[in-house]
């Protein structure tokens, strides 16, 4: 094969290779843009879920406090199953009050 045909053959191969690389670069750019958009959407979803989680944690805390208040009210009203617990709680509160009085009298 003469030298000139080899050069033309190589040039033809190079043109095809460049065209192929160009196509792949364009495809990669499109894929990159799609992934970037998906990433942005996922970040937004994460923020929304974090906000929802915070709201739910607040609700849980409020409900726990209400539950404890109702349990105390139940004990105070004399629920048979909680009489002993109520007496212990009242005694603990009295001890705390006594300790506060002692501290106040020391001042």
PDB file of N, CA and C in Angstrom:
ATOM      1  N   UNK A   1       0.855  -1.168   0.000  1.00  0.00           N
ATOM      2  CA  UNK A   1       0.000   0.000   0.000  1.00  0.00           C
ATOM      3  C   UNK A   1       0.898   1.227   0.000  1.00  0.00           C
ATOM      4  N   UNK A   2       0.698   2.102  -0.978  1.00  0.00           N
ATOM      5  CA  UNK A   2       1.536   3.299  -1.061  1.00  0.00           C
ATOM      6  C   UNK A   2       1.316   4.196   0.154  1.00  0.00           C
ATOM      7  N   UNK A   3       2.307   5.017   0.393  1.00  0.00           N
ATOM      8  CA  UNK A   3       2.324   5.909   1.554  1.00  0.00           C
ATOM      9  C   UNK A   3       1.124   6.861   1.575  1.00  0.00           C
ATOM     10  N   UNK A   4       0.753   7.378   0.442  1.00  0.00           N
ATOM     11  CA  UNK A   4      -0.348   8.349   0.374  1.00  0.00           C
ATOM     12  C   UNK A   4      -1.668   7.712   0.791  1.00  0.00           C
ATOM     13  N   UNK A   5      -1.871   6.454   0.444  1.00  0.00           N
ATOM     14  CA  UNK A   5      -3.100   5.776   0.840  1.00  0.00           C
ATOM     15  C   UNK A   5      -3.122   5.532   2.342  1.00  0.00           C
ATOM     16  N   UNK A   6      -1.953   5.239   2.900  1.00  0.00           N
ATOM     17  CA  UNK A   6      -1.862   5.039   4.346  1.00  0.00           C
ATOM     18  C   UNK A   6      -2.237   6.318   5.090  1.00  0.00           C
ATOM     19  N   UNK A   7      -1.766   7.444   4.611  1.00  0.00           N
ATOM     20  CA  UNK A   7      -2.062   8.728   5.252  1.00  0.00           C
ATOM     21  C   UNK A   7      -3.561   9.022   5.158  1.00  0.00           C
ATOM     22  N   UNK A   8      -4.124   8.794   3.969  1.00  0.00           N
ATOM     23  CA  UNK A   8      -5.562   9.034   3.805  1.00  0.00           C
ATOM     24  C   UNK A   8      -6.363   8.098   4.708  1.00  0.00           C
ATOM     25  N   UNK A   9      -5.920   6.852   4.796  1.00  0.00           N
ATOM     26  CA  UNK A   9      -6.591   5.866   5.633  1.00  0.00           C
ATOM     27  C   UNK A   9      -6.540   6.308   7.092  1.00  0.00           C
ATOM     28  N   UNK A  10      -5.350   6.758   7.523  1.00  0.00           N
ATOM     29  CA  UNK A  10      -5.189   7.232   8.895  1.00  0.00           C
ATOM     30  C   UNK A  10      -6.028   8.480   9.151  1.00  0.00           C
ATOM     31  N   UNK A  11      -6.068   9.381   8.185  1.00  0.00           N
ATOM     32  CA  UNK A  11      -6.860  10.603   8.340  1.00  0.00           C
ATOM     33  C   UNK A  11      -8.348  10.258   8.450  1.00  0.00           C
ATOM     34  N   UNK A  12      -8.780   9.304   7.658  1.00  0.00           N
ATOM     35  CA  UNK A  12     -10.176   8.878   7.699  1.00  0.00           C
ATOM     36  C   UNK A  12     -10.499   8.275   9.067  1.00  0.00           C
ATOM     37  N   UNK A  13      -9.599   7.443   9.555  1.00  0.00           N
ATOM     38  CA  UNK A  13      -9.772   6.849  10.886  1.00  0.00           C
ATOM     39  C   UNK A  13      -9.793   7.921  11.964  1.00  0.00           C
ATOM     40  N   UNK A  14      -8.904   8.897  11.844  1.00  0.00           N
ATOM     41  CA  UNK A  14      -8.846   9.974  12.836  1.00  0.00           C
ATOM     42  C   UNK A  14     -10.126  10.796  12.829  1.00  0.00           C
ATOM     43  N   UNK A  15     -10.654  11.079  11.624  1.00  0.00           N
ATOM     44  CA  UNK A  15     -11.901  11.841  11.539  1.00  0.00           C
ATOM     45  C   UNK A  15     -13.046  11.074  12.199  1.00  0.00           C
ATOM     46  N   UNK A  16     -13.087   9.782  11.948  1.00  0.00           N
ATOM     47  CA  UNK A  16     -14.134   8.962  12.564  1.00  0.00           C
ATOM     48  C   UNK A  16     -13.972   8.931  14.086  1.00  0.00           C
ATOM     49  N   UNK A  17     -12.734   8.829  14.515  1.00  0.00           N
ATOM     50  CA  UNK A  17     -12.448   8.794  15.947  1.00  0.00           C
ATOM     51  C   UNK A  17     -12.835  10.113  16.614  1.00  0.00           C
ATOM     52  N   UNK A  18     -12.499  11.222  15.965  1.00  0.00           N
ATOM     53  CA  UNK A  18     -12.854  12.542  16.497  1.00  0.00           C
ATOM     54  C   UNK A  18     -14.374  12.694  16.540  1.00  0.00           C
ATOM     55  N   UNK A  19     -15.046  12.256  15.495  1.00  0.00           N
ATOM     56  CA  UNK A  19     -16.510  12.344  15.459  1.00  0.00           C
ATOM     57  C   UNK A  19     -17.123  11.497  16.576  1.00  0.00           C
ATOM     58  N   UNK A  20     -16.573  10.315  16.774  1.00  0.00           N
ATOM     59  CA  UNK A  20     -17.057   9.436  17.837  1.00  0.00           C
ATOM     60  C   UNK A  20     -16.823  10.057  19.208  1.00  0.00           C
ATOM     61  N   UNK A  21     -15.634  10.612  19.404  1.00  0.00           N
ATOM     62  CA  UNK A  21     -15.326  11.272  20.678  1.00  0.00           C
ATOM     63  C   UNK A  21     -16.242  12.467  20.908  1.00  0.00           C
ATOM     64  N   UNK A  22     -16.528  13.197  19.846  1.00  0.00           N
ATOM     65  CA  UNK A  22     -17.424  14.347  19.955  1.00  0.00           C
ATOM     66  C   UNK A  22     -18.828  13.900  20.374  1.00  0.00           C
ATOM     67  N   UNK A  23     -19.318  12.832  19.763  1.00  0.00           N
ATOM     68  CA  UNK A  23     -20.636  12.299  20.126  1.00  0.00           C
ATOM     69  C   UNK A  23     -20.667  11.875  21.592  1.00  0.00           C
ATOM     70  N   UNK A  24     -19.610  11.189  22.006  1.00  0.00           N
ATOM     71  CA  UNK A  24     -19.550  10.720  23.393  1.00  0.00           C
ATOM     72  C   UNK A  24     -19.462  11.893  24.368  1.00  0.00           C
ATOM     73  N   UNK A  25     -18.729  12.929  24.000  1.00  0.00           N
ATOM     74  CA  UNK A  25     -18.619  14.114  24.856  1.00  0.00           C
ATOM     75  C   UNK A  25     -19.983  14.782  25.012  1.00  0.00           C
ATOM     76  N   UNK A  26     -20.720  14.878  23.923  1.00  0.00           N
ATOM     77  CA  UNK A  26     -22.060  15.476  23.974  1.00  0.00           C
ATOM     78  C   UNK A  26     -22.983  14.625  24.851  1.00  0.00           C
ATOM     79  N   UNK A  27     -22.899  13.314  24.682  1.00  0.00           N
ATOM     80  CA  UNK A  27     -23.726  12.413  25.493  1.00  0.00           C
ATOM     81  C   UNK A  27     -23.363  12.533  26.974  1.00  0.00           C
ATOM     82  N   UNK A  28     -22.072  12.624  27.269  1.00  0.00           N
ATOM     83  CA  UNK A  28     -21.630  12.770  28.657  1.00  0.00           C
ATOM     84  C   UNK A  28     -22.094  14.092  29.254  1.00  0.00           C
ATOM     85  N   UNK A  29     -22.069  15.153  28.460  1.00  0.00           N
ATOM     86  CA  UNK A  29     -22.550  16.450  28.951  1.00  0.00           C
ATOM     87  C   UNK A  29     -24.038  16.374  29.290  1.00  0.00           C
ATOM     88  N   UNK A  30     -24.799  15.728  28.439  1.00  0.00           N
ATOM     89  CA  UNK A  30     -26.238  15.586  28.688  1.00  0.00           C
ATOM     90  C   UNK A  30     -26.481  14.749  29.943  1.00  0.00           C
ATOM     91  N   UNK A  31     -25.730  13.673  30.065  1.00  0.00           N
ATOM     92  CA  UNK A  31     -25.867  12.814  31.243  1.00  0.00           C
ATOM     93  C   UNK A  31     -25.470  13.572  32.511  1.00  0.00           C
ATOM     94  N   UNK A  32     -24.402  14.349  32.427  1.00  0.00           N
ATOM     95  CA  UNK A  32     -23.947  15.157  33.557  1.00  0.00           C
ATOM     96  C   UNK A  32     -25.030  16.150  33.977  1.00  0.00           C
ATOM     97  N   UNK A  33     -25.651  16.802  33.002  1.00  0.00           N
ATOM     98  CA  UNK A  33     -26.710  17.774  33.305  1.00  0.00           C
ATOM     99  C   UNK A  33     -27.901  17.086  33.964  1.00  0.00           C
ATOM    100  N   UNK A  34     -28.269  15.915  33.453  1.00  0.00           N
ATOM    101  CA  UNK A  34     -29.379  15.161  34.050  1.00  0.00           C
ATOM    102  C   UNK A  34     -29.066  14.774  35.490  1.00  0.00           C
ATOM    103  N   UNK A  35     -27.845  14.322  35.722  1.00  0.00           N
ATOM    104  CA  UNK A  35     -27.447  13.936  37.076  1.00  0.00           C
ATOM    105  C   UNK A  35     -27.412  15.145  38.007  1.00  0.00           C
ATOM    106  N   UNK A  36     -26.985  16.274  37.499  1.00  0.00           N
ATOM    107  CA  UNK A  36     -26.953  17.500  38.307  1.00  0.00           C
ATOM    108  C   UNK A  36     -28.379  17.897  38.714  1.00  0.00           C
ATOM    109  N   UNK A  37     -29.315  17.830  37.756  1.00  0.00           N
ATOM    110  CA  UNK A  37     -30.711  18.167  38.053  1.00  0.00           C
ATOM    111  C   UNK A  37     -31.302  17.189  39.067  1.00  0.00           C
ATOM    112  N   UNK A  38     -31.003  15.905  38.881  1.00  0.00           N
ATOM    113  CA  UNK A  38     -31.494  14.893  39.823  1.00  0.00           C
ATOM    114  C   UNK A  38     -30.914  15.135  41.217  1.00  0.00           C
ATOM    115  N   UNK A  39     -29.642  15.499  41.267  1.00  0.00           N
ATOM    116  CA  UNK A  39     -28.986  15.790  42.540  1.00  0.00           C
ATOM    117  C   UNK A  39     -29.655  16.972  43.236  1.00  0.00           C
ATOM    118  N   UNK A  40     -29.970  18.014  42.482  1.00  0.00           N
ATOM    119  CA  UNK A  40     -30.651  19.182  43.051  1.00  0.00           C
ATOM    120  C   UNK A  40     -32.019  18.796  43.617  1.00  0.00           C
ATOM    121  N   UNK A  41     -32.753  17.962  42.872  1.00  0.00           N
ATOM    122  CA  UNK A  41     -34.066  17.514  43.350  1.00  0.00           C
ATOM    123  C   UNK A  41     -33.924  16.697  44.633  1.00  0.00           C
ATOM    124  N   UNK A  42     -32.910  15.840  44.673  1.00  0.00           N
ATOM    125  CA  UNK A  42     -32.693  15.020  45.864  1.00  0.00           C
ATOM    126  C   UNK A  42     -32.300  15.875  47.066  1.00  0.00           C
ATOM    127  N   UNK A  43     -31.506  16.912  46.829  1.00  0.00           N
ATOM    128  CA  UNK A  43     -31.150  17.824  47.923  1.00  0.00           C
ATOM    129  C   UNK A  43     -32.392  18.521  48.461  1.00  0.00           C
ATOM    130  N   UNK A  44     -33.278  18.921  47.568  1.00  0.00           N
ATOM    131  CA  UNK A  44     -34.518  19.574  47.985  1.00  0.00           C
ATOM    132  C   UNK A  44     -35.382  18.601  48.792  1.00  0.00           C
ATOM    133  N   UNK A  45     -35.449  17.362  48.336  1.00  0.00           N
ATOM    134  CA  UNK A  45     -36.210  16.346  49.056  1.00  0.00           C
ATOM    135  C   UNK A  45     -35.634  16.128  50.448  1.00  0.00           C
ATOM    136  N   UNK A  46     -34.320  16.103  50.547  1.00  0.00           N
ATOM    137  CA  UNK A  46     -33.665  15.936  51.845  1.00  0.00           C
ATOM    138  C   UNK A  46     -34.056  17.066  52.785  1.00  0.00           C
ATOM    139  N   UNK A  47     -34.029  18.289  52.298  1.00  0.00           N
ATOM    140  CA  UNK A  47     -34.400  19.440  53.136  1.00  0.00           C
ATOM    141  C   UNK A  47     -35.854  19.345  53.587  1.00  0.00           C
ATOM    142  N   UNK A  48     -36.735  18.946  52.669  1.00  0.00           N
ATOM    143  CA  UNK A  48     -38.148  18.797  53.027  1.00  0.00           C
ATOM    144  C   UNK A  48     -38.320  17.720  54.091  1.00  0.00           C
ATOM    145  N   UNK A  49     -37.607  16.609  53.935  1.00  0.00           N
ATOM    146  CA  UNK A  49     -37.702  15.523  54.909  1.00  0.00           C
ATOM    147  C   UNK A  49     -37.124  15.933  56.259  1.00  0.00           C
ATOM    148  N   UNK A  50     -36.065  16.721  56.249  1.00  0.00           N
ATOM    149  CA  UNK A  50     -35.505  17.216  57.518  1.00  0.00           C
ATOM    150  C   UNK A  50     -36.511  18.105  58.240  1.00  0.00           C
ATOM    151  N   UNK A  51     -37.170  18.968  57.494  1.00  0.00           N
ATOM    152  CA  UNK A  51     -38.188  19.836  58.093  1.00  0.00           C
ATOM    153  C   UNK A  51     -39.336  19.007  58.663  1.00  0.00           C
ATOM    154  N   UNK A  52     -39.756  18.023  57.902  1.00  0.00           N
ATOM    155  CA  UNK A  52     -40.837  17.149  58.367  1.00  0.00           C
ATOM    156  C   UNK A  52     -40.416  16.386  59.614  1.00  0.00           C
ATOM    157  N   UNK A  53     -39.165  15.924  59.635  1.00  0.00           N
ATOM    158  CA  UNK A  53     -38.646  15.193  60.794  1.00  0.00           C
ATOM    159  C   UNK A  53     -38.656  16.087  62.028  1.00  0.00           C
ATOM    160  N   UNK A  54     -38.218  17.336  61.877  1.00  0.00           N
ATOM    161  CA  UNK A  54     -38.200  18.272  62.994  1.00  0.00           C
ATOM    162  C   UNK A  54     -39.614  18.500  63.522  1.00  0.00           C
ATOM    163  N   UNK A  55     -40.559  18.680  62.613  1.00  0.00           N
ATOM    164  CA  UNK A  55     -41.952  18.887  63.023  1.00  0.00           C
ATOM    165  C   UNK A  55     -42.493  17.662  63.752  1.00  0.00           C
ATOM    166  N   UNK A  56     -42.169  16.477  63.241  1.00  0.00           N
ATOM    167  CA  UNK A  56     -42.641  15.249  63.881  1.00  0.00           C
ATOM    168  C   UNK A  56     -42.004  15.055  65.250  1.00  0.00           C
ATOM    169  N   UNK A  57     -40.722  15.406  65.386  1.00  0.00           N
ATOM    170  CA  UNK A  57     -40.066  15.296  66.688  1.00  0.00           C
ATOM    171  C   UNK A  57     -40.718  16.238  67.693  1.00  0.00           C
ATOM    172  N   UNK A  58     -41.074  17.418  67.239  1.00  0.00           N
ATOM    173  CA  UNK A  58     -41.757  18.375  68.107  1.00  0.00           C
ATOM    174  C   UNK A  58     -43.114  17.828  68.541  1.00  0.00           C
ATOM    175  N   UNK A  59     -43.827  17.239  67.609  1.00  0.00           N
ATOM    176  CA  UNK A  59     -45.127  16.645  67.926  1.00  0.00           C
ATOM    177  C   UNK A  59     -44.974  15.507  68.924  1.00  0.00           C
ATOM    178  N   UNK A  60     -43.958  14.684  68.732  1.00  0.00           N
ATOM    179  CA  UNK A  60     -43.703  13.570  69.653  1.00  0.00           C
ATOM    180  C   UNK A  60     -43.430  14.101  71.050  1.00  0.00           C
ATOM    181  N   UNK A  61     -42.596  15.128  71.155  1.00  0.00           N
ATOM    182  CA  UNK A  61     -42.276  15.712  72.457  1.00  0.00           C
ATOM    183  C   UNK A  61     -43.540  16.237  73.133  1.00  0.00           C
ATOM    184  N   UNK A  62     -44.354  16.957  72.381  1.00  0.00           N
ATOM    185  CA  UNK A  62     -45.602  17.498  72.928  1.00  0.00           C
ATOM    186  C   UNK A  62     -46.523  16.378  73.401  1.00  0.00           C
ATOM    187  N   UNK A  63     -46.643  15.334  72.594  1.00  0.00           N
ATOM    188  CA  UNK A  63     -47.517  14.218  72.966  1.00  0.00           C
ATOM    189  C   UNK A  63     -46.991  13.472  74.188  1.00  0.00           C
ATOM    190  N   UNK A  64     -45.673  13.342  74.309  1.00  0.00           N
ATOM    191  CA  UNK A  64     -45.097  12.700  75.497  1.00  0.00           C
ATOM    192  C   UNK A  64     -45.406  13.515  76.746  1.00  0.00           C
ATOM    193  N   UNK A  65     -45.287  14.847  76.634  1.00  0.00           N
ATOM    194  CA  UNK A  65     -45.592  15.711  77.772  1.00  0.00           C
ATOM    195  C   UNK A  65     -47.066  15.594  78.155  1.00  0.00           C
ATOM    196  N   UNK A  66     -47.945  15.585  77.162  1.00  0.00           N
ATOM    197  CA  UNK A  66     -49.376  15.440  77.445  1.00  0.00           C
ATOM    198  C   UNK A  66     -49.667  14.085  78.079  1.00  0.00           C
ATOM    199  N   UNK A  67     -49.005  13.055  77.592  1.00  0.00           N
ATOM    200  CA  UNK A  67     -49.186  11.714  78.134  1.00  0.00           C
ATOM    201  C   UNK A  67     -48.759  11.669  79.598  1.00  0.00           C
ATOM    202  N   UNK A  68     -47.629  12.272  79.902  1.00  0.00           N
ATOM    203  CA  UNK A  68     -47.143  12.307  81.284  1.00  0.00           C
ATOM    204  C   UNK A  68     -48.111  13.090  82.167  1.00  0.00           C
ATOM    205  N   UNK A  69     -48.614  14.209  81.655  1.00  0.00           N
ATOM    206  CA  UNK A  69     -49.582  15.011  82.413  1.00  0.00           C
ATOM    207  C   UNK A  69     -50.848  14.205  82.698  1.00  0.00           C
ATOM    208  N   UNK A  70     -51.325  13.485  81.699  1.00  0.00           N
ATOM    209  CA  UNK A  70     -52.514  12.653  81.892  1.00  0.00           C
ATOM    210  C   UNK A  70     -52.251  11.525  82.882  1.00  0.00           C
ATOM    211  N   UNK A  71     -51.060  10.947  82.823  1.00  0.00           N
ATOM    212  CA  UNK A  71     -50.719   9.875  83.759  1.00  0.00           C
ATOM    213  C   UNK A  71     -50.701  10.413  85.188  1.00  0.00           C
ATOM    214  N   UNK A  72     -50.135  11.606  85.369  1.00  0.00           N
ATOM    215  CA  UNK A  72     -50.101  12.219  86.703  1.00  0.00           C
ATOM    216  C   UNK A  72     -51.523  12.517  87.171  1.00  0.00           C
ATOM    217  N   UNK A  73     -52.333  13.071  86.279  1.00  0.00           N
ATOM    218  CA  UNK A  73     -53.725  13.365  86.632  1.00  0.00           C
ATOM    219  C   UNK A  73     -54.464  12.092  87.011  1.00  0.00           C
ATOM    220  N   UNK A  74     -54.202  11.034  86.299  1.00  0.00           N
ATOM    221  CA  UNK A  74     -54.812   9.738  86.606  1.00  0.00           C
ATOM    222  C   UNK A  74     -54.404   9.270  87.993  1.00  0.00           C
ATOM    223  N   UNK A  75     -53.141   9.420  88.310  1.00  0.00           N
ATOM    224  CA  UNK A  75     -52.643   9.010  89.627  1.00  0.00           C
ATOM    225  C   UNK A  75     -53.283   9.846  90.725  1.00  0.00           C
ATOM    226  N   UNK A  76     -53.358  11.139  90.485  1.00  0.00           N
ATOM    227  CA  UNK A  76     -53.922  12.037  91.490  1.00  0.00           C
ATOM    228  C   UNK A  76     -55.401  11.734  91.712  1.00  0.00           C
ATOM    229  N   UNK A  77     -56.094  11.360  90.671  1.00  0.00           N
ATOM    230  CA  UNK A  77     -57.513  11.045  90.795  1.00  0.00           C
ATOM    231  C   UNK A  77     -57.747   9.721  91.517  1.00  0.00           C
ATOM    232  N   UNK A  78     -56.686   9.018  91.813  1.00  0.00           N
ATOM    233  CA  UNK A  78     -56.822   7.821  92.637  1.00  0.00           C
ATOM    234  C   UNK A  78     -56.990   6.535  91.873  1.00  0.00           C
ATOM    235  N   UNK A  79     -56.475   6.470  90.717  1.00  0.00           N
ATOM    236  CA  UNK A  79     -56.510   5.218  89.980  1.00  0.00           C
ATOM    237  C   UNK A  79     -55.860   4.140  90.843  1.00  0.00           C
ATOM    238  N   UNK A  80     -56.549   3.031  91.061  1.00  0.00           N
ATOM    239  CA  UNK A  80     -56.067   1.993  91.973  1.00  0.00           C
ATOM    240  C   UNK A  80     -54.666   1.510  91.618  1.00  0.00           C
ATOM    241  N   UNK A  81     -54.424   1.360  90.344  1.00  0.00           N
ATOM    242  CA  UNK A  81     -53.134   0.814  89.911  1.00  0.00           C
ATOM    243  C   UNK A  81     -51.983   1.785  90.114  1.00  0.00           C
ATOM    244  N   UNK A  82     -52.284   3.069  90.315  1.00  0.00           N
ATOM    245  CA  UNK A  82     -51.210   4.050  90.434  1.00  0.00           C
ATOM    246  C   UNK A  82     -51.139   4.717  91.809  1.00  0.00           C
ATOM    247  N   UNK A  83     -51.889   4.217  92.799  1.00  0.00           N
ATOM    248  CA  UNK A  83     -51.886   4.859  94.114  1.00  0.00           C
ATOM    249  C   UNK A  83     -50.492   4.868  94.722  1.00  0.00           C
ATOM    250  N   UNK A  84     -49.810   3.753  94.677  1.00  0.00           N
ATOM    251  CA  UNK A  84     -48.467   3.669  95.264  1.00  0.00           C
ATOM    252  C   UNK A  84     -47.521   4.637  94.560  1.00  0.00           C
ATOM    253  N   UNK A  85     -47.570   4.646  93.235  1.00  0.00           N
ATOM    254  CA  UNK A  85     -46.724   5.570  92.467  1.00  0.00           C
ATOM    255  C   UNK A  85     -47.034   7.013  92.827  1.00  0.00           C
ATOM    256  N   UNK A  86     -48.307   7.310  93.007  1.00  0.00           N
ATOM    257  CA  UNK A  86     -48.712   8.676  93.345  1.00  0.00           C
ATOM    258  C   UNK A  86     -48.155   9.075  94.701  1.00  0.00           C
ATOM    259  N   UNK A  87     -48.278   8.173  95.676  1.00  0.00           N
ATOM    260  CA  UNK A  87     -47.742   8.462  97.011  1.00  0.00           C
ATOM    261  C   UNK A  87     -46.237   8.695  96.950  1.00  0.00           C
ATOM    262  N   UNK A  88     -45.535   7.865  96.201  1.00  0.00           N
ATOM    263  CA  UNK A  88     -44.082   8.025  96.075  1.00  0.00           C
ATOM    264  C   UNK A  88     -43.736   9.347  95.408  1.00  0.00           C
ATOM    265  N   UNK A  89     -44.483   9.710  94.387  1.00  0.00           N
ATOM    266  CA  UNK A  89     -44.239  10.970  93.674  1.00  0.00           C
ATOM    267  C   UNK A  89     -44.496  12.162  94.595  1.00  0.00           C
ATOM    268  N   UNK A  90     -45.602  12.098  95.348  1.00  0.00           N
ATOM    269  CA  UNK A  90     -45.909  13.188  96.283  1.00  0.00           C
ATOM    270  C   UNK A  90     -44.822  13.297  97.341  1.00  0.00           C
ATOM    271  N   UNK A  91     -44.378  12.164  97.876  1.00  0.00           N
ATOM    272  CA  UNK A  91     -43.308  12.179  98.881  1.00  0.00           C
ATOM    273  C   UNK A  91     -42.021  12.769  98.305  1.00  0.00           C
ATOM    274  N   UNK A  92     -41.715  12.424  97.064  1.00  0.00           N
ATOM    275  CA  UNK A  92     -40.514  12.976  96.423  1.00  0.00           C
ATOM    276  C   UNK A  92     -40.652  14.482  96.254  1.00  0.00           C
ATOM    277  N   UNK A  93     -41.836  14.941  95.862  1.00  0.00           N
ATOM    278  CA  UNK A  93     -42.068  16.382  95.714  1.00  0.00           C
ATOM    279  C   UNK A  93     -41.956  17.095  97.062  1.00  0.00           C
ATOM    280  N   UNK A  94     -42.482  16.477  98.109  1.00  0.00           N
ATOM    281  CA  UNK A  94     -42.375  17.074  99.451  1.00  0.00           C
ATOM    282  C   UNK A  94     -40.917  17.180  99.868  1.00  0.00           C
ATOM    283  N   UNK A  95     -40.135  16.144  99.594  1.00  0.00           N
ATOM    284  CA  UNK A  95     -38.696  16.195  99.930  1.00  0.00           C
ATOM    285  C   UNK A  95     -38.001  17.319  99.168  1.00  0.00           C
ATOM    286  N   UNK A  96     -38.357  17.487  97.895  1.00  0.00           N
ATOM    287  CA  UNK A  96     -37.774  18.579  97.106  1.00  0.00           C
ATOM    288  C   UNK A  96     -38.158  19.934  97.684  1.00  0.00           C
ATOM    289  N   UNK A  97     -39.409  20.070  98.076  1.00  0.00           N
ATOM    290  CA  UNK A  97     -39.862  21.338  98.675  1.00  0.00           C
ATOM    291  C   UNK A  97     -39.132  21.590  99.984  1.00  0.00           C
ATOM    292  N   UNK A  98     -38.995  20.538 100.805  1.00  0.00           N
ATOM    293  CA  UNK A  98     -38.266  20.680 102.073  1.00  0.00           C
ATOM    294  C   UNK A  98     -36.823  21.101 101.827  1.00  0.00           C
ATOM    295  N   UNK A  99     -36.193  20.513 100.824  1.00  0.00           N
ATOM    296  CA  UNK A  99     -34.804  20.876 100.501  1.00  0.00           C
ATOM    297  C   UNK A  99     -34.725  22.333 100.066  1.00  0.00           C
ATOM    298  N   UNK A 100     -35.700  22.795  99.316  1.00  0.00           N
ATOM    299  CA  UNK A 100     -35.723  24.203  98.893  1.00  0.00           C
ATOM    300  C   UNK A 100     -35.899  25.125 100.091  1.00  0.00           C
ATOM    301  N   UNK A 101     -36.771  24.738 101.012  1.00  0.00           N
ATOM    302  CA  UNK A 101     -36.992  25.557 102.215  1.00  0.00           C
ATOM    303  C   UNK A 101     -35.713  25.648 103.032  1.00  0.00           C
ATOM    304  N   UNK A 102     -35.014  24.516 103.176  1.00  0.00           N
ATOM    305  CA  UNK A 102     -33.752  24.510 103.926  1.00  0.00           C
ATOM    306  C   UNK A 102     -32.749  25.443 103.265  1.00  0.00           C
ATOM    307  N   UNK A 103     -32.653  25.394 101.954  1.00  0.00           N
ATOM    308  CA  UNK A 103     -31.714  26.272 101.249  1.00  0.00           C
ATOM    309  C   UNK A 103     -32.098  27.734 101.418  1.00  0.00           C
ATOM    310  N   UNK A 104     -33.376  28.027 101.402  1.00  0.00           N
ATOM    311  CA  UNK A 104     -33.831  29.413 101.563  1.00  0.00           C
ATOM    312  C   UNK A 104     -33.569  29.931 102.976  1.00  0.00           C
ATOM    313  N   UNK A 105     -33.715  29.058 103.961  1.00  0.00           N
ATOM    314  CA  UNK A 105     -33.477  29.504 105.338  1.00  0.00           C
ATOM    315  C   UNK A 105     -31.995  29.694 105.616  1.00  0.00           C
ATOM    316  N   UNK A 106     -31.140  29.015 104.883  1.00  0.00           N
ATOM    317  CA  UNK A 106     -29.689  29.179 105.053  1.00  0.00           C
ATOM    318  C   UNK A 106     -29.218  30.515 104.517  1.00  0.00           C
ATOM    319  N   UNK A 107     -29.947  31.082 103.607  1.00  0.00           N
ATOM    320  CA  UNK A 107     -29.523  32.337 102.985  1.00  0.00           C
ATOM    321  C   UNK A 107     -29.855  33.434 103.864  1.00  0.00           C
TER     322      UNK A 107
END
